[in-house]
């Protein structure tokens, strides 16, 4: 009888610890994965040159001989290279 009682108490303790851990990691994950938080962190890490580069795109059309079109660009649609 005493052994069953101890097993039940251990199972409850483990269940509560697991539940607490899952809830706390879930809350942390929600904060860390918030789109607003990720965007703010990305923008804060960017330089002014990187911010400006995102506002200036090119129209990749082979209009001039020897014109280099980026490999990732789709001909005829605007192209803005990503920030490395």
N, C-alpha and C. Protein backbone atom coordinates (compact mmCIF):
# COMPACT_ATOMS: atom_id res chain seq x y z
N UNK A 1 0.83 -1.19 0.00
CA UNK A 1 0.00 0.00 0.00
C UNK A 1 0.88 1.26 0.00
N UNK A 2 1.89 1.27 0.83
CA UNK A 2 2.79 2.42 0.92
C UNK A 2 3.56 2.63 -0.39
N UNK A 3 3.96 1.53 -1.04
CA UNK A 3 4.69 1.62 -2.31
C UNK A 3 3.81 2.24 -3.39
N UNK A 4 2.54 1.84 -3.44
CA UNK A 4 1.61 2.41 -4.42
C UNK A 4 1.43 3.90 -4.19
N UNK A 5 1.35 4.28 -2.93
CA UNK A 5 1.18 5.69 -2.59
C UNK A 5 2.39 6.51 -3.01
N UNK A 6 3.59 5.95 -2.80
CA UNK A 6 4.83 6.65 -3.20
C UNK A 6 4.92 6.77 -4.71
N UNK A 7 4.54 5.70 -5.42
CA UNK A 7 4.56 5.75 -6.88
C UNK A 7 3.60 6.82 -7.40
N UNK A 8 2.43 6.92 -6.79
CA UNK A 8 1.45 7.91 -7.19
C UNK A 8 1.98 9.32 -6.94
N UNK A 9 2.62 9.53 -5.81
CA UNK A 9 3.19 10.85 -5.49
C UNK A 9 4.31 11.20 -6.46
N UNK A 10 5.16 10.22 -6.80
CA UNK A 10 6.24 10.47 -7.76
C UNK A 10 5.68 10.79 -9.13
N UNK A 11 4.64 10.07 -9.54
CA UNK A 11 4.03 10.32 -10.84
C UNK A 11 3.43 11.72 -10.90
N UNK A 12 2.79 12.15 -9.81
CA UNK A 12 2.22 13.51 -9.77
C UNK A 12 3.32 14.56 -9.83
N UNK A 13 4.40 14.33 -9.10
CA UNK A 13 5.51 15.28 -9.09
C UNK A 13 6.13 15.41 -10.48
N UNK A 14 6.33 14.27 -11.12
CA UNK A 14 6.90 14.28 -12.47
C UNK A 14 5.93 14.95 -13.44
N UNK A 15 4.66 14.68 -13.32
CA UNK A 15 3.66 15.30 -14.20
C UNK A 15 3.63 16.81 -14.03
N UNK A 16 3.67 17.27 -12.79
CA UNK A 16 3.65 18.72 -12.54
C UNK A 16 4.92 19.38 -13.06
N UNK A 17 6.06 18.73 -12.87
CA UNK A 17 7.33 19.28 -13.36
C UNK A 17 7.32 19.36 -14.89
N UNK A 18 6.82 18.33 -15.52
CA UNK A 18 6.74 18.31 -16.98
C UNK A 18 5.79 19.39 -17.49
N UNK A 19 4.66 19.54 -16.85
CA UNK A 19 3.69 20.56 -17.24
C UNK A 19 4.28 21.95 -17.08
N UNK A 20 4.97 22.18 -15.97
CA UNK A 20 5.60 23.49 -15.73
C UNK A 20 6.65 23.77 -16.80
N UNK A 21 7.45 22.78 -17.12
CA UNK A 21 8.49 22.96 -18.14
C UNK A 21 7.88 23.25 -19.50
N UNK A 22 6.85 22.51 -19.88
CA UNK A 22 6.20 22.73 -21.17
C UNK A 22 5.58 24.11 -21.26
N UNK A 23 4.95 24.55 -20.21
CA UNK A 23 4.32 25.88 -20.22
C UNK A 23 5.35 26.98 -20.32
N UNK A 24 6.45 26.85 -19.59
CA UNK A 24 7.45 27.90 -19.61
C UNK A 24 8.17 27.95 -20.95
N UNK A 25 8.50 26.80 -21.55
CA UNK A 25 9.17 26.83 -22.84
C UNK A 25 8.22 27.29 -23.93
N UNK A 26 6.93 26.99 -23.79
CA UNK A 26 5.95 27.45 -24.77
C UNK A 26 5.84 28.98 -24.73
N UNK A 27 5.84 29.55 -23.54
CA UNK A 27 5.76 31.01 -23.42
C UNK A 27 7.00 31.66 -24.00
N UNK A 28 8.17 31.07 -23.73
CA UNK A 28 9.41 31.62 -24.28
C UNK A 28 9.40 31.52 -25.80
N UNK A 29 8.95 30.40 -26.32
CA UNK A 29 8.91 30.21 -27.77
C UNK A 29 7.96 31.21 -28.42
N UNK A 30 6.83 31.51 -27.77
CA UNK A 30 5.89 32.48 -28.34
C UNK A 30 6.50 33.87 -28.39
N UNK A 31 7.24 34.25 -27.35
CA UNK A 31 7.87 35.57 -27.34
C UNK A 31 8.97 35.63 -28.39
N UNK A 32 9.79 34.58 -28.45
CA UNK A 32 10.91 34.56 -29.39
C UNK A 32 10.45 34.46 -30.84
N UNK A 33 9.30 33.83 -31.07
CA UNK A 33 8.86 33.64 -32.45
C UNK A 33 7.83 34.66 -32.90
N UNK A 34 7.58 35.66 -32.09
CA UNK A 34 6.65 36.70 -32.47
C UNK A 34 7.18 37.41 -33.73
N UNK A 35 6.37 37.55 -34.76
CA UNK A 35 6.83 38.22 -35.98
C UNK A 35 7.34 39.64 -35.71
N UNK A 36 6.66 40.34 -34.83
CA UNK A 36 7.09 41.71 -34.51
C UNK A 36 8.46 41.72 -33.84
N UNK A 37 8.68 40.77 -32.93
CA UNK A 37 9.97 40.70 -32.23
C UNK A 37 11.09 40.32 -33.19
N UNK A 38 10.82 39.35 -34.09
CA UNK A 38 11.85 38.96 -35.06
C UNK A 38 12.15 40.10 -36.02
N UNK A 39 11.12 40.83 -36.47
CA UNK A 39 11.34 41.95 -37.38
C UNK A 39 12.14 43.05 -36.70
N UNK A 40 11.80 43.36 -35.46
CA UNK A 40 12.52 44.40 -34.73
C UNK A 40 13.98 44.01 -34.52
N UNK A 41 14.23 42.74 -34.21
CA UNK A 41 15.60 42.29 -34.00
C UNK A 41 16.40 42.34 -35.30
N UNK A 42 15.76 41.95 -36.40
CA UNK A 42 16.43 42.00 -37.70
C UNK A 42 16.74 43.43 -38.10
N UNK A 43 15.78 44.31 -37.95
CA UNK A 43 15.98 45.71 -38.32
C UNK A 43 17.04 46.37 -37.45
N UNK A 44 17.08 46.03 -36.18
CA UNK A 44 18.07 46.61 -35.27
C UNK A 44 19.48 46.16 -35.63
N UNK A 45 19.61 44.97 -36.22
CA UNK A 45 20.93 44.45 -36.58
C UNK A 45 21.42 44.97 -37.93
N UNK A 46 20.54 45.61 -38.70
CA UNK A 46 20.90 46.09 -40.03
C UNK A 46 21.64 47.42 -39.98
N UNK A 47 22.52 47.62 -40.96
CA UNK A 47 23.19 48.92 -41.11
C UNK A 47 22.30 49.83 -41.95
N UNK A 48 22.62 51.12 -41.98
CA UNK A 48 21.86 52.05 -42.81
C UNK A 48 21.97 51.67 -44.29
N UNK A 49 23.16 51.24 -44.74
CA UNK A 49 23.34 50.84 -46.14
C UNK A 49 22.44 49.65 -46.49
N UNK A 50 22.29 48.71 -45.56
CA UNK A 50 21.42 47.56 -45.81
C UNK A 50 19.96 47.99 -45.90
N UNK A 51 19.55 48.92 -45.05
CA UNK A 51 18.16 49.41 -45.11
C UNK A 51 17.90 50.10 -46.45
N UNK A 52 18.82 50.93 -46.88
CA UNK A 52 18.65 51.67 -48.14
C UNK A 52 18.64 50.71 -49.32
N UNK A 53 19.47 49.65 -49.25
CA UNK A 53 19.54 48.71 -50.38
C UNK A 53 18.20 48.01 -50.61
N UNK A 54 17.38 47.90 -49.57
CA UNK A 54 16.08 47.25 -49.73
C UNK A 54 15.05 48.15 -50.41
N UNK A 55 15.36 49.43 -50.56
CA UNK A 55 14.42 50.34 -51.22
C UNK A 55 14.78 50.59 -52.68
N UNK A 56 15.93 50.10 -53.11
CA UNK A 56 16.38 50.30 -54.49
C UNK A 56 16.48 48.97 -55.21
N UNK A 57 15.57 48.72 -56.12
CA UNK A 57 15.60 47.49 -56.89
C UNK A 57 16.00 47.76 -58.33
N UNK A 58 16.11 46.69 -59.09
CA UNK A 58 16.43 46.82 -60.52
C UNK A 58 15.36 46.06 -61.30
N UNK A 59 15.17 46.46 -62.53
CA UNK A 59 14.27 45.73 -63.43
C UNK A 59 15.17 44.94 -64.37
N UNK A 60 15.29 43.64 -64.13
CA UNK A 60 16.24 42.84 -64.92
C UNK A 60 15.74 42.55 -66.34
N UNK A 61 16.03 43.47 -67.24
CA UNK A 61 15.73 43.28 -68.65
C UNK A 61 17.04 43.36 -69.43
N UNK A 62 17.26 42.45 -70.34
CA UNK A 62 18.50 42.50 -71.12
C UNK A 62 18.45 43.63 -72.16
N UNK A 63 18.44 44.88 -71.68
CA UNK A 63 18.28 46.04 -72.55
C UNK A 63 19.58 46.46 -73.22
N UNK A 64 20.69 46.17 -72.58
CA UNK A 64 21.99 46.60 -73.10
C UNK A 64 22.88 45.38 -73.28
N UNK A 65 23.70 45.39 -74.33
CA UNK A 65 24.62 44.26 -74.51
C UNK A 65 25.57 44.15 -73.31
N UNK A 66 25.73 42.95 -72.82
CA UNK A 66 26.64 42.72 -71.70
C UNK A 66 26.04 43.01 -70.34
N UNK A 67 24.75 43.37 -70.29
CA UNK A 67 24.12 43.67 -69.01
C UNK A 67 24.02 42.40 -68.17
N UNK A 68 24.48 42.46 -66.93
CA UNK A 68 24.48 41.31 -66.04
C UNK A 68 23.16 41.27 -65.27
N UNK A 69 22.44 40.18 -65.42
CA UNK A 69 21.19 39.96 -64.68
C UNK A 69 21.50 38.98 -63.56
N UNK A 70 21.16 39.31 -62.33
CA UNK A 70 21.42 38.39 -61.22
C UNK A 70 20.76 37.03 -61.45
N UNK A 71 21.45 35.97 -61.04
CA UNK A 71 20.94 34.61 -61.26
C UNK A 71 19.58 34.38 -60.62
N UNK A 72 19.33 35.02 -59.45
CA UNK A 72 18.07 34.81 -58.73
C UNK A 72 16.91 35.61 -59.30
N UNK A 73 17.20 36.57 -60.18
CA UNK A 73 16.17 37.48 -60.70
C UNK A 73 15.33 36.81 -61.78
N UNK A 74 14.07 37.21 -61.83
CA UNK A 74 13.16 36.77 -62.88
C UNK A 74 13.09 37.91 -63.89
N UNK A 75 13.38 37.60 -65.14
CA UNK A 75 13.41 38.64 -66.17
C UNK A 75 12.03 39.30 -66.28
N UNK A 76 12.02 40.63 -66.21
CA UNK A 76 10.79 41.39 -66.36
C UNK A 76 10.09 41.72 -65.05
N UNK A 77 10.59 41.22 -63.93
CA UNK A 77 9.98 41.58 -62.65
C UNK A 77 11.02 42.27 -61.79
N UNK A 78 10.57 43.14 -60.91
CA UNK A 78 11.51 43.89 -60.07
C UNK A 78 12.32 42.94 -59.20
N UNK A 79 13.56 43.31 -58.95
CA UNK A 79 14.46 42.46 -58.17
C UNK A 79 15.19 43.31 -57.13
N UNK A 80 15.11 42.87 -55.89
CA UNK A 80 15.86 43.48 -54.79
C UNK A 80 16.65 42.36 -54.14
N UNK A 81 17.99 42.45 -54.18
CA UNK A 81 18.77 41.39 -53.56
C UNK A 81 18.59 41.37 -52.05
N UNK A 82 18.68 40.20 -51.46
CA UNK A 82 18.54 40.08 -50.01
C UNK A 82 19.76 40.61 -49.28
N UNK A 83 19.60 40.85 -48.01
CA UNK A 83 20.70 41.30 -47.17
C UNK A 83 21.43 40.05 -46.67
N UNK A 84 22.75 39.97 -46.92
CA UNK A 84 23.47 38.77 -46.49
C UNK A 84 23.52 38.63 -44.97
